[in-house]
Amino acid sequence: MKSKIKNILLTVTGVGLFASSAMGAVSLANGDLAVAFYQTNGLGAVQANTYVFDLGNAGLYRDNSANNVSVSTVNSGIVSSNISADLVSAFGSTWATDGSVHWMVVGGTTAAGGTVNQDAARIGYYSKATSSVPAGVPDFGTTLNSTTRTQSVGSITTFFTGVQSQTAGSNAKGAIILTSATNTIDEFVNTPNETVNPGTYFKLGTDITQTVTSNGYATGLVGALDMFRVLATTTGSKLTAGLSTGNAAVGTGQYIGTLTLSSTGNLSIGSLTAVPEPSALCLTGLLAASGLTLRSRRTRNA
């Protein structure tokens, strides 16, 4: 009897755990960074999905000084840095090779939300596509005036609001969202079907996206995005960044790191070489363990 009760309790507990996971929701907070994906083949949407992944607070990446680390290393609140299962579900099994998927980084603080982790109000974070490791610190290439900064942060806030409470996918920090939903990422970029904000890229007028495909930044990568922080004011904001030199200036993009995407769906920061896959790490560990065992046996025999 006790055994039956125990089995029933274990079953109920298991159901509860799976239900909790399935009902998880993604909620971009003020001051966060989002990685956003959409799909188009030049004629229109290939599949009616977008994908948004919450990197967490932007200040974590602003202060990071490590190269070639996973995003879960920078933000311990991210359990897994791999989004492959979600990308396959959203865009199909050829998402990394067919040239139809595009991605970007965007985020920041709202106009009225006050300072968040040493980022004052109206700070914007943007990406710029890259395919090679630069000789020096990457350059954003443009200065944003006050009007543009205000309008852009307003658009980012609208996009973040549209992601609130979206159901999480396989990765708890990511959500697959239909393009038909309100304020999805495709509404803020230049897509063939877009008529609301065509070509604005969050009011910047400059393309902040990259096509996911084989990338020359490092072996095994299909994407690399330099990330920049643009201040509206230096008052109340931290002016330094972990992977950059000098202080931030109003309206000028400050480099904070490079987000990379591997062909197997791993997100990393500043990867100068591809991050080893978990399977490769396991194999390395097994080989090392075998070597130690063999060495131990030889020592004993001697």
Protein backbone atom coordinates (compact mmCIF):
# COMPACT_ATOMS: atom_id res chain seq x y z
CA MET A 1 0.00 0.00 0.00
CA LYS A 2 2.78 2.41 0.97
CA SER A 3 4.58 1.54 -2.26
CA LYS A 4 1.48 2.40 -4.33
CA ILE A 5 1.02 5.74 -2.54
CA LYS A 6 4.69 6.56 -3.10
CA ASN A 7 4.40 5.80 -6.82
CA ILE A 8 1.28 7.95 -7.12
CA LEU A 9 3.02 10.86 -5.38
CA LEU A 10 6.04 10.54 -7.65
CA THR A 11 3.79 10.52 -10.71
CA VAL A 12 1.88 13.62 -9.56
CA THR A 13 5.13 15.40 -8.77
CA GLY A 14 6.52 14.57 -12.20
CA VAL A 15 3.37 15.85 -13.92
CA GLY A 16 3.62 19.04 -11.90
CA LEU A 17 7.24 19.59 -12.86
CA PHE A 18 6.55 19.11 -16.57
CA ALA A 19 3.50 21.37 -16.41
CA SER A 20 5.55 24.07 -14.71
CA SER A 21 8.19 23.89 -17.44
CA ALA A 22 5.63 23.96 -20.26
CA MET A 23 3.83 26.93 -18.77
CA GLY A 24 7.00 29.02 -18.39
CA ALA A 25 6.96 32.48 -19.91
CA VAL A 26 9.54 34.84 -21.36
CA SER A 27 9.35 38.38 -20.04
CA LEU A 28 11.89 40.96 -21.21
CA ALA A 29 12.56 43.41 -18.40
CA ASN A 30 13.54 47.06 -18.61
CA GLY A 31 17.32 47.15 -19.16
CA ASP A 32 17.54 43.71 -20.78
CA LEU A 33 19.09 42.60 -24.08
CA ALA A 34 17.17 40.51 -26.60
CA VAL A 35 18.45 38.32 -29.41
CA ALA A 36 15.78 38.32 -32.10
CA PHE A 37 15.39 36.16 -35.22
CA TYR A 38 13.08 36.35 -38.21
CA GLN A 39 12.95 34.54 -41.55
CA THR A 40 12.52 35.76 -45.12
CA ASN A 41 13.76 34.56 -48.49
CA GLY A 42 13.52 37.96 -50.20
CA LEU A 43 9.95 37.42 -51.29
CA GLY A 44 8.25 37.10 -47.93
CA ALA A 45 8.11 34.97 -44.83
CA VAL A 46 9.22 31.36 -45.33
CA GLN A 47 7.61 30.26 -42.07
CA ALA A 48 5.28 32.39 -39.98
CA ASN A 49 7.48 32.53 -36.88
CA THR A 50 9.91 34.83 -35.13
CA TYR A 51 12.13 33.93 -32.20
CA VAL A 52 13.24 36.05 -29.23
CA PHE A 53 15.82 35.05 -26.60
CA ASP A 54 16.29 37.04 -23.39
CA LEU A 55 20.00 37.54 -22.62
CA GLY A 56 19.11 39.23 -19.33
CA ASN A 57 20.33 42.54 -17.98
CA ALA A 58 22.51 44.49 -20.40
CA GLY A 59 24.82 45.60 -17.59
CA LEU A 60 26.14 42.04 -17.25
CA TYR A 61 27.42 42.18 -20.83
CA ARG A 62 28.59 45.78 -20.52
CA ASP A 63 30.80 44.78 -17.57
CA ASN A 64 31.97 41.44 -18.96
CA SER A 65 35.68 41.26 -19.76
CA ALA A 66 35.95 37.58 -20.72
CA ASN A 67 36.42 36.32 -24.28
CA ASN A 68 35.22 33.02 -25.70
CA VAL A 69 32.63 32.27 -23.02
CA SER A 70 29.01 31.18 -23.25
CA VAL A 71 26.22 33.63 -22.44
CA SER A 72 25.37 31.43 -19.45
CA THR A 73 28.82 32.23 -18.10
CA VAL A 74 28.14 35.97 -18.37
CA ASN A 75 24.60 35.60 -16.99
CA SER A 76 24.24 32.77 -14.47
CA GLY A 77 20.45 33.07 -14.77
CA ILE A 78 20.64 31.42 -18.19
CA VAL A 79 20.60 27.65 -17.67
CA SER A 80 21.45 26.75 -21.27
CA SER A 81 23.24 28.77 -23.97
CA ASN A 82 21.94 26.48 -26.71
CA ILE A 83 18.85 27.47 -28.74
CA SER A 84 19.10 24.92 -31.55
CA ALA A 85 15.85 23.10 -30.73
CA ASP A 86 13.89 26.36 -30.77
CA LEU A 87 15.48 27.53 -34.04
CA VAL A 88 14.62 24.21 -35.70
CA SER A 89 11.03 24.46 -34.44
CA ALA A 90 10.70 28.07 -35.61
CA PHE A 91 12.53 28.01 -38.94
CA GLY A 92 13.17 24.41 -39.95
CA SER A 93 16.19 22.11 -39.87
CA THR A 94 18.16 24.19 -42.40
CA TRP A 95 18.02 27.42 -40.35
CA ALA A 96 21.85 27.65 -40.19
CA THR A 97 22.56 27.10 -43.90
CA ASP A 98 19.74 28.21 -46.19
CA GLY A 99 20.32 31.97 -45.85
CA SER A 100 16.71 32.79 -44.99
CA VAL A 101 17.12 33.43 -41.24
CA HIS A 102 18.24 36.84 -39.93
CA TRP A 103 19.19 37.90 -36.42
CA MET A 104 20.06 40.95 -34.31
CA VAL A 105 20.60 42.22 -30.76
CA VAL A 106 18.52 45.07 -29.36
CA GLY A 107 17.65 46.36 -25.90
CA GLY A 108 18.02 49.16 -23.39
CA THR A 109 16.17 51.23 -20.83
CA THR A 110 12.82 52.96 -21.19
CA ALA A 111 12.39 56.73 -21.22
CA ALA A 112 10.55 56.74 -17.89
CA GLY A 113 12.02 53.72 -16.11
CA GLY A 114 14.92 55.43 -14.38
CA THR A 115 18.40 53.97 -13.93
CA VAL A 116 18.80 50.19 -14.20
CA ASN A 117 22.11 48.64 -13.10
CA GLN A 118 24.06 51.83 -13.88
CA ASP A 119 22.31 52.39 -17.20
CA ALA A 120 20.32 55.65 -17.10
CA ALA A 121 17.00 56.07 -18.90
CA ARG A 122 16.85 56.04 -22.72
CA ILE A 123 19.98 53.97 -23.27
CA GLY A 124 19.83 51.85 -26.41
CA TYR A 125 21.76 48.68 -27.28
CA TYR A 126 22.20 47.66 -30.92
CA SER A 127 24.11 45.18 -33.06
CA LYS A 128 26.24 45.42 -36.17
CA ALA A 129 27.05 42.46 -38.39
CA THR A 130 30.66 41.34 -38.60
CA SER A 131 32.52 38.51 -40.30
CA SER A 132 36.05 39.02 -39.02
CA VAL A 133 37.89 39.82 -35.80
CA PRO A 134 38.88 43.51 -36.02
CA ALA A 135 42.41 44.78 -35.47
CA GLY A 136 41.15 47.29 -32.90
CA VAL A 137 37.93 48.14 -31.07
CA PRO A 138 34.89 47.82 -33.41
CA ASP A 139 33.20 51.05 -34.49
CA PHE A 140 29.43 51.56 -34.53
CA GLY A 141 29.90 53.87 -37.49
CA THR A 142 27.17 56.38 -36.73
CA THR A 143 26.19 58.95 -34.11
CA LEU A 144 22.55 59.13 -33.02
CA ASN A 145 20.98 62.52 -32.34
CA SER A 146 18.54 63.14 -29.49
CA THR A 147 15.41 62.72 -31.60
CA THR A 148 16.58 59.43 -33.07
CA ARG A 149 17.59 58.09 -29.67
CA THR A 150 14.21 58.93 -28.15
CA GLN A 151 12.23 57.42 -31.03
CA SER A 152 14.41 54.31 -31.12
CA VAL A 153 14.07 53.59 -27.39
CA GLY A 154 10.31 54.04 -27.79
CA SER A 155 10.26 51.40 -30.54
CA ILE A 156 12.37 49.02 -28.46
CA THR A 157 9.99 49.46 -25.53
CA THR A 158 7.05 48.65 -27.81
CA PHE A 159 8.81 45.51 -29.06
CA PHE A 160 9.66 44.40 -25.50
CA THR A 161 6.03 44.88 -24.45
CA GLY A 162 4.95 42.56 -27.28
CA VAL A 163 7.18 39.79 -25.88
CA GLN A 164 5.82 40.03 -22.33
CA SER A 165 4.53 36.69 -21.00
CA GLN A 166 5.07 34.80 -24.27
CA THR A 167 5.25 31.04 -23.70
CA ALA A 168 8.80 29.73 -23.48
CA GLY A 169 10.11 27.21 -26.00
CA SER A 170 12.56 24.38 -25.37
CA ASN A 171 14.94 26.93 -23.86
CA ALA A 172 13.29 28.70 -20.92
CA LYS A 173 14.70 32.07 -22.01
CA GLY A 174 13.36 31.92 -25.56
CA ALA A 175 9.93 32.24 -27.18
CA ILE A 176 8.68 31.34 -30.65
CA ILE A 177 6.21 34.07 -31.64
CA LEU A 178 3.98 34.15 -34.72
CA THR A 179 4.63 37.03 -37.12
CA SER A 180 0.90 37.74 -36.99
CA ALA A 181 1.21 38.76 -33.32
CA THR A 182 1.40 42.45 -32.45
CA ASN A 183 4.82 44.16 -32.50
CA THR A 184 6.90 41.13 -33.46
CA ILE A 185 10.50 41.75 -34.52
CA ASP A 186 9.70 41.67 -38.24
CA GLU A 187 7.61 44.83 -37.80
CA PHE A 188 10.71 46.87 -36.91
CA VAL A 189 13.02 45.82 -39.73
CA ASN A 190 13.00 45.88 -43.53
CA THR A 191 11.00 42.87 -44.69
CA PRO A 192 9.13 42.49 -48.00
CA ASN A 193 5.70 42.31 -46.33
CA GLU A 194 6.23 45.13 -43.84
CA THR A 195 4.25 48.34 -44.36
CA VAL A 196 4.06 49.74 -40.80
CA ASN A 197 7.74 50.64 -40.21
CA PRO A 198 9.49 49.59 -43.43
CA GLY A 199 13.28 49.76 -43.26
CA THR A 200 13.47 51.70 -40.00
CA TYR A 201 15.42 49.20 -37.88
CA PHE A 202 13.96 50.65 -34.68
CA LYS A 203 14.03 54.17 -36.20
CA LEU A 204 17.79 54.04 -36.82
CA GLY A 205 17.58 53.76 -40.58
CA THR A 206 20.70 51.58 -40.41
CA ASP A 207 20.61 47.80 -40.78
CA ILE A 208 21.44 46.15 -37.43
CA THR A 209 20.77 42.59 -38.64
CA GLN A 210 22.82 39.78 -40.12
CA THR A 211 21.93 36.81 -42.30
CA VAL A 212 22.64 33.52 -40.53
CA THR A 213 25.08 31.55 -42.65
CA SER A 214 28.70 30.37 -42.65
CA ASN A 215 30.69 33.16 -40.94
CA GLY A 216 34.38 33.97 -41.19
CA TYR A 217 34.69 35.30 -37.63
CA ALA A 218 35.73 31.89 -36.32
CA THR A 219 35.47 28.22 -37.25
CA GLY A 220 32.06 26.66 -36.67
CA LEU A 221 30.13 29.95 -36.43
CA VAL A 222 27.15 31.01 -38.52
CA GLY A 223 26.79 34.50 -37.05
CA ALA A 224 28.71 37.25 -35.26
CA LEU A 225 27.24 40.52 -34.04
CA ASP A 226 29.23 43.37 -32.51
CA MET A 227 27.14 44.93 -29.72
CA PHE A 228 27.07 48.65 -28.95
CA ARG A 229 25.63 50.80 -26.16
CA VAL A 230 24.38 54.32 -26.94
CA LEU A 231 23.88 56.76 -24.04
CA ALA A 232 21.29 59.52 -23.86
CA THR A 233 23.14 61.08 -20.92
CA THR A 234 26.32 60.39 -18.99
CA THR A 235 24.63 61.37 -15.72
CA GLY A 236 23.87 58.29 -13.63
CA SER A 237 25.41 55.88 -16.13
CA LYS A 238 28.54 53.77 -15.83
CA LEU A 239 30.86 55.05 -18.53
CA THR A 240 33.28 52.13 -18.90
CA ALA A 241 32.80 48.75 -20.56
CA GLY A 242 34.67 45.52 -19.94
CA LEU A 243 35.76 44.82 -23.53
CA SER A 244 36.26 48.41 -24.62
CA THR A 245 38.59 51.31 -23.87
CA GLY A 246 37.75 54.86 -22.83
CA ASN A 247 34.48 56.28 -21.54
CA ALA A 248 31.12 56.21 -23.28
CA ALA A 249 29.95 59.45 -24.92
CA VAL A 250 26.38 60.59 -25.58
CA GLY A 251 25.03 59.38 -28.94
CA THR A 252 28.15 57.39 -29.87
CA GLY A 253 28.13 53.59 -29.90
CA GLN A 254 30.33 52.02 -27.23
CA TYR A 255 31.49 48.49 -28.05
CA ILE A 256 30.57 45.96 -25.31
CA GLY A 257 31.37 42.64 -26.96
CA THR A 258 30.61 40.32 -29.88
CA LEU A 259 27.75 37.84 -29.69
CA THR A 260 28.37 34.71 -31.74
CA LEU A 261 26.14 31.87 -32.88
CA SER A 262 27.51 28.42 -33.69
CA SER A 263 26.11 26.06 -36.32
CA THR A 264 24.76 23.92 -33.47
CA GLY A 265 22.91 26.81 -31.83
CA ASN A 266 25.28 27.89 -29.04
CA LEU A 267 25.35 31.57 -28.07
CA SER A 268 28.70 32.92 -26.85
CA ILE A 269 30.41 36.23 -26.18
CA GLY A 270 33.54 37.48 -27.90
CA SER A 271 34.47 34.09 -29.33
CA LEU A 272 37.81 34.41 -31.09
CA THR A 273 37.60 30.68 -31.74
CA ALA A 274 34.51 28.49 -31.74
CA VAL A 275 33.41 27.28 -28.31
CA PRO A 276 33.84 23.48 -28.01
CA GLU A 277 30.55 21.60 -28.13
CA PRO A 278 29.48 19.67 -24.99
CA SER A 279 30.07 16.37 -26.81
CA ALA A 280 33.61 17.45 -27.68
CA LEU A 281 34.23 18.45 -24.08
CA CYS A 282 32.99 15.04 -22.89
CA LEU A 283 35.24 13.29 -25.40
CA THR A 284 38.21 15.38 -24.27
CA GLY A 285 37.42 14.47 -20.67
CA LEU A 286 37.22 10.77 -21.49
CA LEU A 287 40.52 10.85 -23.38
CA ALA A 288 42.17 12.68 -20.50
CA ALA A 289 40.78 10.17 -18.01
CA SER A 290 41.98 7.28 -20.19
CA GLY A 291 45.44 8.85 -20.37
CA LEU A 292 45.61 9.19 -16.60
CA THR A 293 44.49 5.60 -16.10
CA LEU A 294 47.09 4.30 -18.55
CA ARG A 295 49.81 6.38 -16.91
CA SER A 296 48.79 5.04 -13.48
CA ARG A 297 49.00 1.44 -14.68
CA ARG A 298 52.42 1.99 -16.22
CA THR A 299 53.66 3.56 -12.98
CA ARG A 300 52.46 0.61 -10.90
CA ASN A 301 54.00 -1.90 -13.32
CA ALA A 302 57.30 -0.05 -13.16
